[in-house]
Amino acid sequence: MYAPAVDDWNRYLSIDPTGQWSDEARARLEGVESKLQNKKSSLRMPLLHDTELVALPNQGQSESYKPSRRVSARGCQELASASVSQNSV
């Protein structure tokens, strides 16, 4: 959605670089580019931090619940990294 808008604003500015609407077009282009960059950045970040991932197996469980296998913080980090790299493809 944002990439076509960037192309459109750049095309407009190539046709009318100094016209009456060029300042507004540049401002709108800058806004769209900022949104596009924010979206790309947010896709690279994990949804949960390591400490939140470690806490997941214990959420909503009774005091007597003990998972059969504990997951280390490093294991959670590797899982999060793998998930992020899959989403980047």
C-alpha atoms as a PDB file:
ATOM      1  CA  MET A   1       0.000   0.000   0.000  1.00  0.00           C
ATOM      2  CA  TYR A   2       2.795   2.444   0.866  1.00  0.00           C
ATOM      3  CA  ALA A   3       5.244   1.470  -1.886  1.00  0.00           C
ATOM      4  CA  PRO A   4       2.830   2.406  -4.702  1.00  0.00           C
ATOM      5  CA  ALA A   5       2.148   5.732  -2.965  1.00  0.00           C
ATOM      6  CA  VAL A   6       5.888   6.462  -2.850  1.00  0.00           C
ATOM      7  CA  ASP A   7       6.090   5.707  -6.564  1.00  0.00           C
ATOM      8  CA  ASP A   8       3.091   7.943  -7.278  1.00  0.00           C
ATOM      9  CA  TRP A   9       4.458  10.918  -5.312  1.00  0.00           C
ATOM     10  CA  ASN A  10       7.878  10.548  -6.943  1.00  0.00           C
ATOM     11  CA  ARG A  11       6.228  10.419 -10.362  1.00  0.00           C
ATOM     12  CA  TYR A  12       4.214  13.561  -9.567  1.00  0.00           C
ATOM     13  CA  LEU A  13       7.358  15.377  -8.433  1.00  0.00           C
ATOM     14  CA  SER A  14       9.219  14.342 -11.580  1.00  0.00           C
ATOM     15  CA  ILE A  15       6.453  15.975 -13.633  1.00  0.00           C
ATOM     16  CA  ASP A  16       5.909  19.047 -11.454  1.00  0.00           C
ATOM     17  CA  PRO A  17       9.030  19.605  -9.272  1.00  0.00           C
ATOM     18  CA  THR A  18       8.465  23.315  -8.614  1.00  0.00           C
ATOM     19  CA  GLY A  19       4.750  23.749  -9.134  1.00  0.00           C
ATOM     20  CA  GLN A  20       2.128  25.036  -6.739  1.00  0.00           C
ATOM     21  CA  TRP A  21       1.557  21.597  -5.147  1.00  0.00           C
ATOM     22  CA  SER A  22       5.170  20.381  -5.065  1.00  0.00           C
ATOM     23  CA  ASP A  23       5.781  21.329  -1.400  1.00  0.00           C
ATOM     24  CA  GLU A  24       2.684  19.411  -0.324  1.00  0.00           C
ATOM     25  CA  ALA A  25       3.702  16.466  -2.522  1.00  0.00           C
ATOM     26  CA  ARG A  26       7.152  16.373  -0.868  1.00  0.00           C
ATOM     27  CA  ALA A  27       5.597  16.505   2.593  1.00  0.00           C
ATOM     28  CA  ARG A  28       3.211  13.676   1.731  1.00  0.00           C
ATOM     29  CA  LEU A  29       6.041  11.661   0.183  1.00  0.00           C
ATOM     30  CA  GLU A  30       8.086  12.096   3.352  1.00  0.00           C
ATOM     31  CA  GLY A  31       5.128  10.946   5.463  1.00  0.00           C
ATOM     32  CA  VAL A  32       4.544   7.846   3.359  1.00  0.00           C
ATOM     33  CA  GLU A  33       8.262   6.982   3.364  1.00  0.00           C
ATOM     34  CA  SER A  34       8.288   7.314   7.152  1.00  0.00           C
ATOM     35  CA  LYS A  35       5.312   4.971   7.485  1.00  0.00           C
ATOM     36  CA  LEU A  36       6.955   2.481   5.138  1.00  0.00           C
ATOM     37  CA  GLN A  37      10.170   2.553   7.170  1.00  0.00           C
ATOM     38  CA  ASN A  38       8.262   2.113  10.447  1.00  0.00           C
ATOM     39  CA  LYS A  39       6.422  -0.872   9.007  1.00  0.00           C
ATOM     40  CA  LYS A  40       9.670  -2.497   7.857  1.00  0.00           C
ATOM     41  CA  SER A  41      11.258  -1.893  11.261  1.00  0.00           C
ATOM     42  CA  SER A  42       8.324  -3.350  13.155  1.00  0.00           C
ATOM     43  CA  LEU A  43       8.416  -6.526  11.057  1.00  0.00           C
ATOM     44  CA  ARG A  44      12.000  -7.136  12.150  1.00  0.00           C
ATOM     45  CA  MET A  45      11.179  -6.966  15.858  1.00  0.00           C
ATOM     46  CA  PRO A  46       9.923 -10.017  17.771  1.00  0.00           C
ATOM     47  CA  LEU A  47       6.381  -9.883  19.067  1.00  0.00           C
ATOM     48  CA  LEU A  48       7.592 -10.923  22.514  1.00  0.00           C
ATOM     49  CA  HIS A  49      10.857 -10.298  24.332  1.00  0.00           C
ATOM     50  CA  ASP A  50      12.911 -13.219  25.701  1.00  0.00           C
ATOM     51  CA  THR A  51      11.577 -12.821  29.229  1.00  0.00           C
ATOM     52  CA  GLU A  52       7.989 -12.836  27.949  1.00  0.00           C
ATOM     53  CA  LEU A  53       8.644 -16.006  25.947  1.00  0.00           C
ATOM     54  CA  VAL A  54      10.095 -17.740  29.003  1.00  0.00           C
ATOM     55  CA  ALA A  55       7.006 -16.798  31.039  1.00  0.00           C
ATOM     56  CA  LEU A  56       4.544 -18.175  28.470  1.00  0.00           C
ATOM     57  CA  PRO A  57       4.605 -21.844  29.547  1.00  0.00           C
ATOM     58  CA  ASN A  58       3.648 -20.855  33.106  1.00  0.00           C
ATOM     59  CA  GLN A  59       0.831 -18.414  32.334  1.00  0.00           C
ATOM     60  CA  GLY A  60      -2.622 -19.565  33.357  1.00  0.00           C
ATOM     61  CA  GLN A  61      -1.321 -22.715  35.063  1.00  0.00           C
ATOM     62  CA  SER A  62      -1.937 -23.765  38.638  1.00  0.00           C
ATOM     63  CA  GLU A  63       0.855 -23.654  41.201  1.00  0.00           C
ATOM     64  CA  SER A  64       1.272 -27.431  40.943  1.00  0.00           C
ATOM     65  CA  TYR A  65       1.853 -27.312  37.177  1.00  0.00           C
ATOM     66  CA  LYS A  66       5.430 -27.991  36.199  1.00  0.00           C
ATOM     67  CA  PRO A  67       6.347 -28.217  32.557  1.00  0.00           C
ATOM     68  CA  SER A  68       8.096 -31.429  31.573  1.00  0.00           C
ATOM     69  CA  ARG A  69      10.871 -29.477  29.887  1.00  0.00           C
ATOM     70  CA  ARG A  70      12.156 -26.038  30.791  1.00  0.00           C
ATOM     71  CA  VAL A  71      13.107 -23.745  27.951  1.00  0.00           C
ATOM     72  CA  SER A  72      16.150 -21.599  28.483  1.00  0.00           C
ATOM     73  CA  ALA A  73      16.202 -17.931  27.650  1.00  0.00           C
ATOM     74  CA  ARG A  74      18.713 -18.752  24.911  1.00  0.00           C
ATOM     75  CA  GLY A  75      16.326 -21.340  23.459  1.00  0.00           C
ATOM     76  CA  CYS A  76      13.542 -18.764  23.440  1.00  0.00           C
ATOM     77  CA  GLN A  77      15.831 -16.254  21.759  1.00  0.00           C
ATOM     78  CA  GLU A  78      16.721 -18.794  19.068  1.00  0.00           C
ATOM     79  CA  LEU A  79      13.027 -19.548  18.578  1.00  0.00           C
ATOM     80  CA  ALA A  80      12.234 -15.844  18.272  1.00  0.00           C
ATOM     81  CA  SER A  81      15.096 -15.309  15.830  1.00  0.00           C
ATOM     82  CA  ALA A  82      13.955 -18.219  13.700  1.00  0.00           C
ATOM     83  CA  SER A  83      10.420 -16.845  13.684  1.00  0.00           C
ATOM     84  CA  VAL A  84      11.609 -13.379  12.653  1.00  0.00           C
ATOM     85  CA  SER A  85      13.807 -14.781   9.869  1.00  0.00           C
ATOM     86  CA  GLN A  86      10.873 -16.815   8.520  1.00  0.00           C
ATOM     87  CA  ASN A  87       8.707 -13.701   8.434  1.00  0.00           C
ATOM     88  CA  SER A  88      11.428 -11.800   6.570  1.00  0.00           C
ATOM     89  CA  VAL A  89      11.460 -14.227   3.666  1.00  0.00           C
END
